Amino acid sequence: MTRKKSAFNFDKSILGFNITERGVKSYTKTFKIGPFSQTININVETGHLKGTTSLPGTGLAKRYDLPDISSFQVPDLPEYKEDNSMWSDDDR
């Protein structure tokens, strides 16, 4: 089912949140690293991450997709798995 079109469009960015007539759509954070400007955009509905690296004032920019938020989970490392054999006095 398609959404009914709005008579007026609303698109405003408040404290990094992009708000439209349909609600909050994304969060954007821009920070400067030396001469470069780095922008990270998180889509609130889908969780997709996008990034942009640019040189401010030149119009030069490189856009790219970042891995989803769910892929940033810490893996199970072997040294953290529970192995109590080294703490026992039993000879094996």
N, C-alpha and C. Protein backbone atom coordinates (compact mmCIF):
# COMPACT_ATOMS: atom_id res chain seq x y z
N MET A 1 0.83 -1.16 0.00
CA MET A 1 0.00 0.00 0.00
C MET A 1 0.89 1.24 0.00
N THR A 2 0.61 2.15 -0.88
CA THR A 2 1.43 3.37 -0.96
C THR A 2 0.94 4.41 0.03
N ARG A 3 1.87 5.27 0.41
CA ARG A 3 1.53 6.33 1.35
C ARG A 3 0.91 7.51 0.60
N LYS A 4 -0.02 8.16 1.25
CA LYS A 4 -0.64 9.34 0.68
C LYS A 4 0.38 10.48 0.68
N LYS A 5 0.46 11.20 -0.43
CA LYS A 5 1.40 12.31 -0.53
C LYS A 5 0.93 13.48 0.30
N SER A 6 1.88 14.15 0.93
CA SER A 6 1.58 15.31 1.75
C SER A 6 1.42 16.54 0.86
N ALA A 7 0.54 17.45 1.27
CA ALA A 7 0.38 18.71 0.55
C ALA A 7 1.62 19.58 0.73
N PHE A 8 2.22 19.52 1.93
CA PHE A 8 3.43 20.27 2.22
C PHE A 8 4.50 19.31 2.70
N ASN A 9 5.73 19.57 2.31
CA ASN A 9 6.85 18.75 2.75
C ASN A 9 7.56 19.44 3.89
N PHE A 10 7.96 18.66 4.88
CA PHE A 10 8.70 19.18 6.02
C PHE A 10 9.99 18.39 6.12
N ASP A 11 11.12 19.07 6.15
CA ASP A 11 12.41 18.43 6.27
C ASP A 11 13.31 19.36 7.07
N LYS A 12 13.62 18.97 8.30
CA LYS A 12 14.39 19.82 9.20
C LYS A 12 15.41 18.98 9.94
N SER A 13 16.59 19.52 10.13
CA SER A 13 17.62 18.84 10.90
C SER A 13 17.77 19.55 12.24
N ILE A 14 17.51 18.81 13.33
CA ILE A 14 17.59 19.35 14.67
C ILE A 14 18.55 18.48 15.49
N LEU A 15 19.64 19.08 15.95
CA LEU A 15 20.65 18.38 16.74
C LEU A 15 21.15 17.11 16.06
N GLY A 16 21.27 17.13 14.74
CA GLY A 16 21.76 15.98 13.99
C GLY A 16 20.70 15.01 13.53
N PHE A 17 19.47 15.14 14.03
CA PHE A 17 18.39 14.26 13.63
C PHE A 17 17.64 14.87 12.46
N ASN A 18 17.46 14.11 11.38
CA ASN A 18 16.72 14.56 10.22
C ASN A 18 15.25 14.19 10.43
N ILE A 19 14.40 15.20 10.57
CA ILE A 19 12.98 15.00 10.86
C ILE A 19 12.16 15.43 9.65
N THR A 20 11.26 14.56 9.21
CA THR A 20 10.37 14.86 8.09
C THR A 20 8.93 14.83 8.60
N GLU A 21 7.97 15.02 7.69
CA GLU A 21 6.57 14.97 8.09
C GLU A 21 6.16 13.56 8.53
N ARG A 22 6.98 12.56 8.23
CA ARG A 22 6.69 11.17 8.62
C ARG A 22 7.47 10.73 9.85
N GLY A 23 8.25 11.62 10.47
CA GLY A 23 8.98 11.29 11.69
C GLY A 23 10.49 11.38 11.50
N VAL A 24 11.22 10.88 12.48
CA VAL A 24 12.69 10.90 12.45
C VAL A 24 13.18 9.88 11.43
N LYS A 25 14.03 10.29 10.51
CA LYS A 25 14.52 9.40 9.46
C LYS A 25 15.96 8.96 9.66
N SER A 26 16.84 9.90 10.11
CA SER A 26 18.24 9.55 10.23
C SER A 26 18.93 10.46 11.24
N TYR A 27 20.17 10.05 11.59
CA TYR A 27 21.02 10.85 12.46
C TYR A 27 22.33 11.07 11.72
N THR A 28 22.79 12.31 11.70
CA THR A 28 24.02 12.66 10.99
C THR A 28 24.98 13.35 11.94
N LYS A 29 26.25 12.95 11.89
CA LYS A 29 27.29 13.58 12.69
C LYS A 29 28.47 13.87 11.78
N THR A 30 28.93 15.12 11.80
CA THR A 30 30.07 15.53 10.99
C THR A 30 31.18 16.00 11.92
N PHE A 31 32.41 15.55 11.65
CA PHE A 31 33.55 16.02 12.42
C PHE A 31 34.73 16.21 11.48
N LYS A 32 35.66 17.05 11.88
CA LYS A 32 36.79 17.42 11.04
C LYS A 32 38.05 16.73 11.53
N ILE A 33 38.78 16.12 10.60
CA ILE A 33 40.05 15.47 10.89
C ILE A 33 41.09 16.11 9.98
N GLY A 34 41.88 17.00 10.54
CA GLY A 34 42.86 17.74 9.73
C GLY A 34 42.13 18.54 8.67
N PRO A 35 42.55 18.42 7.42
CA PRO A 35 41.87 19.18 6.36
C PRO A 35 40.60 18.49 5.84
N PHE A 36 40.33 17.28 6.30
CA PHE A 36 39.19 16.51 5.82
C PHE A 36 37.98 16.65 6.73
N SER A 37 36.80 16.49 6.16
CA SER A 37 35.55 16.47 6.90
C SER A 37 34.95 15.09 6.75
N GLN A 38 34.63 14.46 7.88
CA GLN A 38 34.07 13.11 7.88
C GLN A 38 32.62 13.17 8.36
N THR A 39 31.70 12.62 7.57
CA THR A 39 30.28 12.61 7.93
C THR A 39 29.80 11.17 8.00
N ILE A 40 29.11 10.83 9.10
CA ILE A 40 28.51 9.52 9.29
C ILE A 40 27.00 9.72 9.35
N ASN A 41 26.25 8.92 8.59
CA ASN A 41 24.80 9.02 8.56
C ASN A 41 24.21 7.65 8.90
N ILE A 42 23.33 7.62 9.91
CA ILE A 42 22.68 6.38 10.34
C ILE A 42 21.19 6.49 10.02
N ASN A 43 20.67 5.59 9.19
CA ASN A 43 19.25 5.55 8.89
C ASN A 43 18.54 4.90 10.07
N VAL A 44 17.64 5.62 10.71
CA VAL A 44 16.98 5.14 11.93
C VAL A 44 16.07 3.95 11.63
N GLU A 45 15.42 3.94 10.50
CA GLU A 45 14.46 2.88 10.17
C GLU A 45 15.14 1.56 9.84
N THR A 46 16.22 1.61 9.06
CA THR A 46 16.85 0.38 8.59
C THR A 46 18.16 0.05 9.30
N GLY A 47 18.80 1.04 9.93
CA GLY A 47 20.07 0.81 10.59
C GLY A 47 21.26 0.86 9.65
N HIS A 48 21.06 1.23 8.39
CA HIS A 48 22.17 1.33 7.44
C HIS A 48 23.07 2.51 7.79
N LEU A 49 24.37 2.31 7.61
CA LEU A 49 25.36 3.36 7.85
C LEU A 49 25.96 3.80 6.52
N LYS A 50 26.08 5.10 6.35
CA LYS A 50 26.75 5.65 5.18
C LYS A 50 27.75 6.68 5.64
N GLY A 51 28.82 6.83 4.90
CA GLY A 51 29.85 7.79 5.26
C GLY A 51 30.27 8.62 4.08
N THR A 52 30.82 9.79 4.38
CA THR A 52 31.35 10.68 3.36
C THR A 52 32.62 11.31 3.89
N THR A 53 33.67 11.27 3.09
CA THR A 53 34.90 11.98 3.39
C THR A 53 35.05 13.06 2.34
N SER A 54 35.28 14.30 2.78
CA SER A 54 35.34 15.40 1.82
C SER A 54 36.40 16.42 2.21
N LEU A 55 36.75 17.25 1.24
CA LEU A 55 37.60 18.41 1.47
C LEU A 55 36.68 19.63 1.44
N PRO A 56 36.42 20.23 2.61
CA PRO A 56 35.48 21.36 2.66
C PRO A 56 35.90 22.50 1.75
N GLY A 57 34.92 23.08 1.07
CA GLY A 57 35.15 24.22 0.20
C GLY A 57 35.57 23.89 -1.22
N THR A 58 35.85 22.60 -1.49
CA THR A 58 36.30 22.23 -2.83
C THR A 58 35.22 21.52 -3.64
N GLY A 59 34.25 20.94 -2.98
CA GLY A 59 33.23 20.16 -3.67
C GLY A 59 33.66 18.73 -3.91
N LEU A 60 34.85 18.35 -3.47
CA LEU A 60 35.34 16.98 -3.64
C LEU A 60 34.90 16.13 -2.45
N ALA A 61 34.29 14.99 -2.75
CA ALA A 61 33.80 14.11 -1.69
C ALA A 61 33.76 12.67 -2.19
N LYS A 62 33.95 11.74 -1.27
CA LYS A 62 33.85 10.31 -1.56
C LYS A 62 32.80 9.73 -0.64
N ARG A 63 31.75 9.16 -1.21
CA ARG A 63 30.68 8.52 -0.43
C ARG A 63 30.88 7.02 -0.43
N TYR A 64 30.50 6.38 0.65
CA TYR A 64 30.65 4.93 0.76
C TYR A 64 29.66 4.38 1.78
N ASP A 65 29.36 3.09 1.65
CA ASP A 65 28.49 2.39 2.60
C ASP A 65 29.35 1.72 3.65
N LEU A 66 28.94 1.79 4.89
CA LEU A 66 29.62 1.14 5.99
C LEU A 66 28.84 -0.11 6.37
N PRO A 67 29.47 -1.06 7.08
CA PRO A 67 28.74 -2.26 7.52
C PRO A 67 27.59 -1.88 8.44
N ASP A 68 26.57 -2.74 8.51
CA ASP A 68 25.43 -2.51 9.40
C ASP A 68 25.88 -2.50 10.85
N ILE A 69 25.08 -1.87 11.70
CA ILE A 69 25.39 -1.78 13.13
C ILE A 69 25.51 -3.16 13.75
N SER A 70 24.70 -4.11 13.29
CA SER A 70 24.71 -5.46 13.88
C SER A 70 26.04 -6.18 13.64
N SER A 71 26.81 -5.78 12.63
CA SER A 71 28.09 -6.45 12.36
C SER A 71 29.21 -5.94 13.26
N PHE A 72 28.95 -4.94 14.10
CA PHE A 72 29.96 -4.42 15.00
C PHE A 72 29.98 -5.15 16.35
N GLN A 73 29.37 -6.33 16.42
CA GLN A 73 29.36 -7.10 17.66
C GLN A 73 30.74 -7.72 17.89
N VAL A 74 31.12 -7.87 19.14
CA VAL A 74 32.41 -8.44 19.49
C VAL A 74 32.35 -9.95 19.33
N PRO A 75 33.30 -10.54 18.61
CA PRO A 75 33.28 -12.00 18.43
C PRO A 75 33.71 -12.72 19.71
N ASP A 76 33.38 -14.00 19.79
CA ASP A 76 33.83 -14.82 20.92
C ASP A 76 35.29 -15.15 20.70
N LEU A 77 36.15 -14.61 21.52
CA LEU A 77 37.58 -14.86 21.40
C LEU A 77 37.96 -16.07 22.25
N PRO A 78 38.88 -16.91 21.78
CA PRO A 78 39.21 -18.14 22.50
C PRO A 78 39.74 -17.87 23.91
N GLU A 79 40.47 -16.79 24.11
CA GLU A 79 41.04 -16.54 25.44
C GLU A 79 39.99 -16.14 26.48
N TYR A 80 38.78 -15.82 26.03
CA TYR A 80 37.73 -15.44 26.97
C TYR A 80 36.71 -16.55 27.20
N LYS A 81 36.86 -17.67 26.52
CA LYS A 81 35.95 -18.78 26.75
C LYS A 81 36.28 -19.41 28.09
N GLU A 82 35.26 -19.93 28.74
CA GLU A 82 35.45 -20.47 30.09
C GLU A 82 36.19 -21.80 30.04
N ASP A 83 37.36 -21.81 30.63
CA ASP A 83 38.17 -23.03 30.72
C ASP A 83 38.78 -23.06 32.11
N ASN A 84 38.17 -23.83 33.00
CA ASN A 84 38.61 -23.88 34.39
C ASN A 84 39.64 -24.98 34.64
N SER A 85 40.12 -25.66 33.60
CA SER A 85 41.05 -26.77 33.80
C SER A 85 42.38 -26.28 34.38
N MET A 86 42.79 -25.08 34.09
CA MET A 86 44.06 -24.60 34.61
C MET A 86 43.99 -24.26 36.10
N TRP A 87 42.78 -24.18 36.64
CA TRP A 87 42.61 -23.84 38.05
C TRP A 87 42.41 -25.08 38.92
N SER A 88 42.35 -26.24 38.31
CA SER A 88 42.12 -27.44 39.13
C SER A 88 43.44 -28.10 39.48
N ASP A 89 43.46 -28.84 40.57
CA ASP A 89 44.68 -29.54 41.01
C ASP A 89 44.75 -30.96 40.45
N ASP A 90 43.74 -31.36 39.69
CA ASP A 90 43.72 -32.70 39.12
C ASP A 90 44.74 -32.79 38.00
N ASP A 91 45.55 -33.88 38.01
CA ASP A 91 46.51 -34.12 36.92
C ASP A 91 45.77 -34.85 35.81
N ARG A 92 46.01 -34.43 34.62
CA ARG A 92 45.34 -35.08 33.49
C ARG A 92 46.32 -35.82 32.66
